[in-house]
C-alpha atoms as a PDB file:
ATOM      1  CA  UNK A   1     -26.129  52.506 -46.168  1.00  0.00           C
ATOM      2  CA  UNK A   2     -23.403  50.543 -47.303  1.00  0.00           C
ATOM      3  CA  UNK A   3     -23.818  47.975 -50.394  1.00  0.00           C
ATOM      4  CA  UNK A   4     -23.150  45.338 -48.023  1.00  0.00           C
ATOM      5  CA  UNK A   5     -25.945  46.281 -45.436  1.00  0.00           C
ATOM      6  CA  UNK A   6     -28.700  46.585 -48.228  1.00  0.00           C
ATOM      7  CA  UNK A   7     -27.686  42.948 -49.508  1.00  0.00           C
ATOM      8  CA  UNK A   8     -27.983  41.777 -45.950  1.00  0.00           C
ATOM      9  CA  UNK A   9     -31.685  43.657 -45.637  1.00  0.00           C
ATOM     10  CA  UNK A  10     -32.664  42.330 -49.178  1.00  0.00           C
ATOM     11  CA  UNK A  11     -31.212  38.644 -48.192  1.00  0.00           C
ATOM     12  CA  UNK A  12     -33.286  39.053 -44.990  1.00  0.00           C
ATOM     13  CA  UNK A  13     -36.411  39.932 -46.453  1.00  0.00           C
ATOM     14  CA  UNK A  14     -36.090  37.248 -49.195  1.00  0.00           C
ATOM     15  CA  UNK A  15     -35.222  34.625 -46.609  1.00  0.00           C
ATOM     16  CA  UNK A  16     -38.705  35.562 -44.677  1.00  0.00           C
ATOM     17  CA  UNK A  17     -40.746  35.711 -47.535  1.00  0.00           C
ATOM     18  CA  UNK A  18     -39.483  32.115 -48.588  1.00  0.00           C
ATOM     19  CA  UNK A  19     -40.024  30.464 -45.291  1.00  0.00           C
ATOM     20  CA  UNK A  20     -43.348  32.062 -45.249  1.00  0.00           C
ATOM     21  CA  UNK A  21     -44.314  30.859 -48.614  1.00  0.00           C
ATOM     22  CA  UNK A  22     -42.851  27.275 -47.976  1.00  0.00           C
ATOM     23  CA  UNK A  23     -45.321  26.922 -44.968  1.00  0.00           C
ATOM     24  CA  UNK A  24     -48.454  27.565 -46.914  1.00  0.00           C
ATOM     25  CA  UNK A  25     -50.315  24.479 -48.286  1.00  0.00           C
ATOM     26  CA  UNK A  26     -50.424  25.422 -52.069  1.00  0.00           C
ATOM     27  CA  UNK A  27     -48.096  23.678 -54.277  1.00  0.00           C
ATOM     28  CA  UNK A  28     -47.318  26.759 -56.505  1.00  0.00           C
ATOM     29  CA  UNK A  29     -46.562  28.900 -53.410  1.00  0.00           C
ATOM     30  CA  UNK A  30     -43.906  26.199 -52.414  1.00  0.00           C
ATOM     31  CA  UNK A  31     -42.470  26.587 -55.247  1.00  0.00           C
ATOM     32  CA  UNK A  32     -42.347  30.476 -55.362  1.00  0.00           C
ATOM     33  CA  UNK A  33     -40.901  30.096 -51.555  1.00  0.00           C
ATOM     34  CA  UNK A  34     -38.216  27.616 -52.679  1.00  0.00           C
ATOM     35  CA  UNK A  35     -37.054  30.197 -55.620  1.00  0.00           C
ATOM     36  CA  UNK A  36     -36.857  32.842 -53.105  1.00  0.00           C
ATOM     37  CA  UNK A  37     -34.845  31.068 -50.749  1.00  0.00           C
ATOM     38  CA  UNK A  38     -32.559  30.008 -53.483  1.00  0.00           C
ATOM     39  CA  UNK A  39     -32.087  33.709 -54.224  1.00  0.00           C
ATOM     40  CA  UNK A  40     -31.858  34.692 -50.642  1.00  0.00           C
ATOM     41  CA  UNK A  41     -28.954  31.882 -50.382  1.00  0.00           C
ATOM     42  CA  UNK A  42     -27.113  33.049 -53.491  1.00  0.00           C
ATOM     43  CA  UNK A  43     -27.394  36.729 -51.855  1.00  0.00           C
ATOM     44  CA  UNK A  44     -25.632  35.145 -48.601  1.00  0.00           C
ATOM     45  CA  UNK A  45     -22.860  33.663 -50.609  1.00  0.00           C
ATOM     46  CA  UNK A  46     -22.165  36.863 -52.426  1.00  0.00           C
ATOM     47  CA  UNK A  47     -22.291  39.051 -48.971  1.00  0.00           C
ATOM     48  CA  UNK A  48     -20.082  36.699 -47.082  1.00  0.00           C
ATOM     49  CA  UNK A  49     -17.423  36.235 -50.168  1.00  0.00           C
ATOM     50  CA  UNK A  50     -15.823  39.448 -48.810  1.00  0.00           C
ATOM     51  CA  UNK A  51     -14.946  42.514 -50.821  1.00  0.00           C
ATOM     52  CA  UNK A  52     -14.370  42.325 -54.545  1.00  0.00           C
ATOM     53  CA  UNK A  53     -10.638  41.768 -55.338  1.00  0.00           C
ATOM     54  CA  UNK A  54      -9.619  40.583 -51.707  1.00  0.00           C
ATOM     55  CA  UNK A  55      -7.206  37.829 -51.168  1.00  0.00           C
ATOM     56  CA  UNK A  56      -8.465  34.436 -49.957  1.00  0.00           C
ATOM     57  CA  UNK A  57      -5.527  33.875 -47.767  1.00  0.00           C
ATOM     58  CA  UNK A  58      -2.531  36.610 -47.151  1.00  0.00           C
ATOM     59  CA  UNK A  59      -2.144  40.387 -46.990  1.00  0.00           C
ATOM     60  CA  UNK A  60      -1.814  41.766 -50.411  1.00  0.00           C
ATOM     61  CA  UNK A  61      -4.767  41.636 -52.866  1.00  0.00           C
ATOM     62  CA  UNK A  62      -2.942  42.305 -56.173  1.00  0.00           C
ATOM     63  CA  UNK A  63      -6.201  41.563 -57.988  1.00  0.00           C
ATOM     64  CA  UNK A  64      -6.810  38.018 -56.565  1.00  0.00           C
ATOM     65  CA  UNK A  65     -10.372  37.138 -55.854  1.00  0.00           C
ATOM     66  CA  UNK A  66     -11.624  33.883 -54.058  1.00  0.00           C
ATOM     67  CA  UNK A  67     -13.162  31.295 -56.576  1.00  0.00           C
ATOM     68  CA  UNK A  68     -14.858  29.277 -53.789  1.00  0.00           C
ATOM     69  CA  UNK A  69     -17.934  31.872 -53.233  1.00  0.00           C
ATOM     70  CA  UNK A  70     -18.469  31.881 -56.918  1.00  0.00           C
ATOM     71  CA  UNK A  71     -18.316  27.717 -57.107  1.00  0.00           C
ATOM     72  CA  UNK A  72     -20.670  27.766 -54.398  1.00  0.00           C
ATOM     73  CA  UNK A  73     -23.126  30.068 -55.759  1.00  0.00           C
ATOM     74  CA  UNK A  74     -23.108  28.447 -59.226  1.00  0.00           C
ATOM     75  CA  UNK A  75     -23.636  24.848 -57.578  1.00  0.00           C
ATOM     76  CA  UNK A  76     -26.656  26.802 -55.480  1.00  0.00           C
ATOM     77  CA  UNK A  77     -27.902  27.869 -58.706  1.00  0.00           C
ATOM     78  CA  UNK A  78     -27.796  24.426 -60.254  1.00  0.00           C
ATOM     79  CA  UNK A  79     -29.227  22.967 -57.415  1.00  0.00           C
ATOM     80  CA  UNK A  80     -32.153  25.136 -57.323  1.00  0.00           C
ATOM     81  CA  UNK A  81     -32.989  24.760 -60.904  1.00  0.00           C
ATOM     82  CA  UNK A  82     -33.016  21.130 -60.419  1.00  0.00           C
ATOM     83  CA  UNK A  83     -35.165  21.019 -57.330  1.00  0.00           C
ATOM     84  CA  UNK A  84     -37.517  23.485 -59.075  1.00  0.00           C
ATOM     85  CA  UNK A  85     -38.033  21.727 -61.913  1.00  0.00           C
ATOM     86  CA  UNK A  86     -38.753  18.569 -59.917  1.00  0.00           C
ATOM     87  CA  UNK A  87     -41.270  20.495 -57.555  1.00  0.00           C
ATOM     88  CA  UNK A  88     -43.040  22.230 -61.035  1.00  0.00           C
ATOM     89  CA  UNK A  89     -43.534  18.685 -62.469  1.00  0.00           C
ATOM     90  CA  UNK A  90     -44.967  17.437 -59.295  1.00  0.00           C
ATOM     91  CA  UNK A  91     -47.538  20.721 -59.508  1.00  0.00           C
ATOM     92  CA  UNK A  92     -48.435  19.679 -62.791  1.00  0.00           C
ATOM     93  CA  UNK A  93     -48.952  16.037 -62.176  1.00  0.00           C
ATOM     94  CA  UNK A  94     -50.974  16.920 -59.112  1.00  0.00           C
ATOM     95  CA  UNK A  95     -53.026  19.333 -61.265  1.00  0.00           C
ATOM     96  CA  UNK A  96     -53.740  16.828 -63.929  1.00  0.00           C
ATOM     97  CA  UNK A  97     -54.682  14.333 -61.413  1.00  0.00           C
ATOM     98  CA  UNK A  98     -57.042  16.198 -59.177  1.00  0.00           C
ATOM     99  CA  UNK A  99     -57.325  19.499 -60.431  1.00  0.00           C
ATOM    100  CA  UNK A 100     -56.240  20.878 -57.314  1.00  0.00           C
ATOM    101  CA  UNK A 101     -52.879  22.876 -56.432  1.00  0.00           C
ATOM    102  CA  UNK A 102     -53.434  22.431 -52.370  1.00  0.00           C
ATOM    103  CA  UNK A 103     -51.852  19.529 -50.304  1.00  0.00           C
ATOM    104  CA  UNK A 104     -54.321  18.186 -47.990  1.00  0.00           C
ATOM    105  CA  UNK A 105     -53.461  16.046 -44.916  1.00  0.00           C
ATOM    106  CA  UNK A 106     -53.222  12.382 -45.054  1.00  0.00           C
ATOM    107  CA  UNK A 107     -55.746  10.498 -42.683  1.00  0.00           C
ATOM    108  CA  UNK A 108     -53.233   7.979 -41.884  1.00  0.00           C
ATOM    109  CA  UNK A 109     -50.407  10.549 -40.942  1.00  0.00           C
ATOM    110  CA  UNK A 110     -52.963  12.176 -38.908  1.00  0.00           C
ATOM    111  CA  UNK A 111     -54.190   9.169 -37.020  1.00  0.00           C
ATOM    112  CA  UNK A 112     -50.609   8.400 -36.000  1.00  0.00           C
ATOM    113  CA  UNK A 113     -49.942  11.846 -34.685  1.00  0.00           C
ATOM    114  CA  UNK A 114     -53.190  11.313 -33.012  1.00  0.00           C
ATOM    115  CA  UNK A 115     -51.914   8.062 -31.378  1.00  0.00           C
ATOM    116  CA  UNK A 116     -48.437   9.754 -30.333  1.00  0.00           C
ATOM    117  CA  UNK A 117     -50.071  12.616 -28.416  1.00  0.00           C
ATOM    118  CA  UNK A 118     -52.448  10.031 -26.507  1.00  0.00           C
ATOM    119  CA  UNK A 119     -49.391   7.965 -25.708  1.00  0.00           C
ATOM    120  CA  UNK A 120     -47.754  11.106 -24.367  1.00  0.00           C
ATOM    121  CA  UNK A 121     -50.797  11.789 -22.455  1.00  0.00           C
ATOM    122  CA  UNK A 122     -50.861   8.434 -20.835  1.00  0.00           C
ATOM    123  CA  UNK A 123     -47.039   9.000 -20.056  1.00  0.00           C
ATOM    124  CA  UNK A 124     -47.212  12.509 -18.495  1.00  0.00           C
ATOM    125  CA  UNK A 125     -50.688  13.322 -16.790  1.00  0.00           C
ATOM    126  CA  UNK A 126     -49.935  17.014 -16.786  1.00  0.00           C
ATOM    127  CA  UNK A 127     -51.082  16.791 -20.916  1.00  0.00           C
ATOM    128  CA  UNK A 128     -54.388  16.230 -19.821  1.00  0.00           C
ATOM    129  CA  UNK A 129     -55.399  19.771 -18.090  1.00  0.00           C
ATOM    130  CA  UNK A 130     -58.364  20.413 -19.503  1.00  0.00           C
ATOM    131  CA  UNK A 131     -61.212  18.174 -18.036  1.00  0.00           C
ATOM    132  CA  UNK A 132     -63.819  19.663 -20.557  1.00  0.00           C
ATOM    133  CA  UNK A 133     -62.015  18.769 -23.542  1.00  0.00           C
ATOM    134  CA  UNK A 134     -62.885  15.273 -24.942  1.00  0.00           C
ATOM    135  CA  UNK A 135     -60.068  15.325 -27.389  1.00  0.00           C
ATOM    136  CA  UNK A 136     -57.330  15.637 -24.779  1.00  0.00           C
ATOM    137  CA  UNK A 137     -59.058  12.756 -22.432  1.00  0.00           C
ATOM    138  CA  UNK A 138     -57.356   9.534 -22.178  1.00  0.00           C
ATOM    139  CA  UNK A 139     -59.851   6.207 -21.978  1.00  0.00           C
ATOM    140  CA  UNK A 140     -58.825   5.656 -18.428  1.00  0.00           C
ATOM    141  CA  UNK A 141     -59.432   8.816 -17.482  1.00  0.00           C
ATOM    142  CA  UNK A 142     -63.235   8.292 -19.007  1.00  0.00           C
ATOM    143  CA  UNK A 143     -63.455   4.808 -17.184  1.00  0.00           C
ATOM    144  CA  UNK A 144     -62.692   6.648 -13.897  1.00  0.00           C
ATOM    145  CA  UNK A 145     -65.376   9.004 -14.093  1.00  0.00           C
ATOM    146  CA  UNK A 146     -68.052   6.406 -15.190  1.00  0.00           C
ATOM    147  CA  UNK A 147     -67.402   4.300 -11.957  1.00  0.00           C
END
């Protein structure tokens, strides 16, 4: 295996683990997932920058390397650090306020999502397919069955 293939495999594993951790409800796991995504992005920039010493434009190398991927990598490191510090402050504040690390669903957001599902079921009768499920039935369907 070449070095580039190893970097691509490592980058893919870091991206997969980072996305998996970002989808958790724990704020600490979200922070770790974001850090893994930042490191995967740096590996992506390193891999996509090409061979060391290659010219950015032209055919002769003569020791020239492209500074743009290096600038992107430094920018990605700074942004990852800043967002990680912000997430760490949020985790610290959440721990001091509620002694909990998990994100709980907001009742108002759940109610809005439920209303949208009900509106979609009114517009599309195929969404209301299970007659035994009380949560998917619309009020109009309940009135027709009681008559």
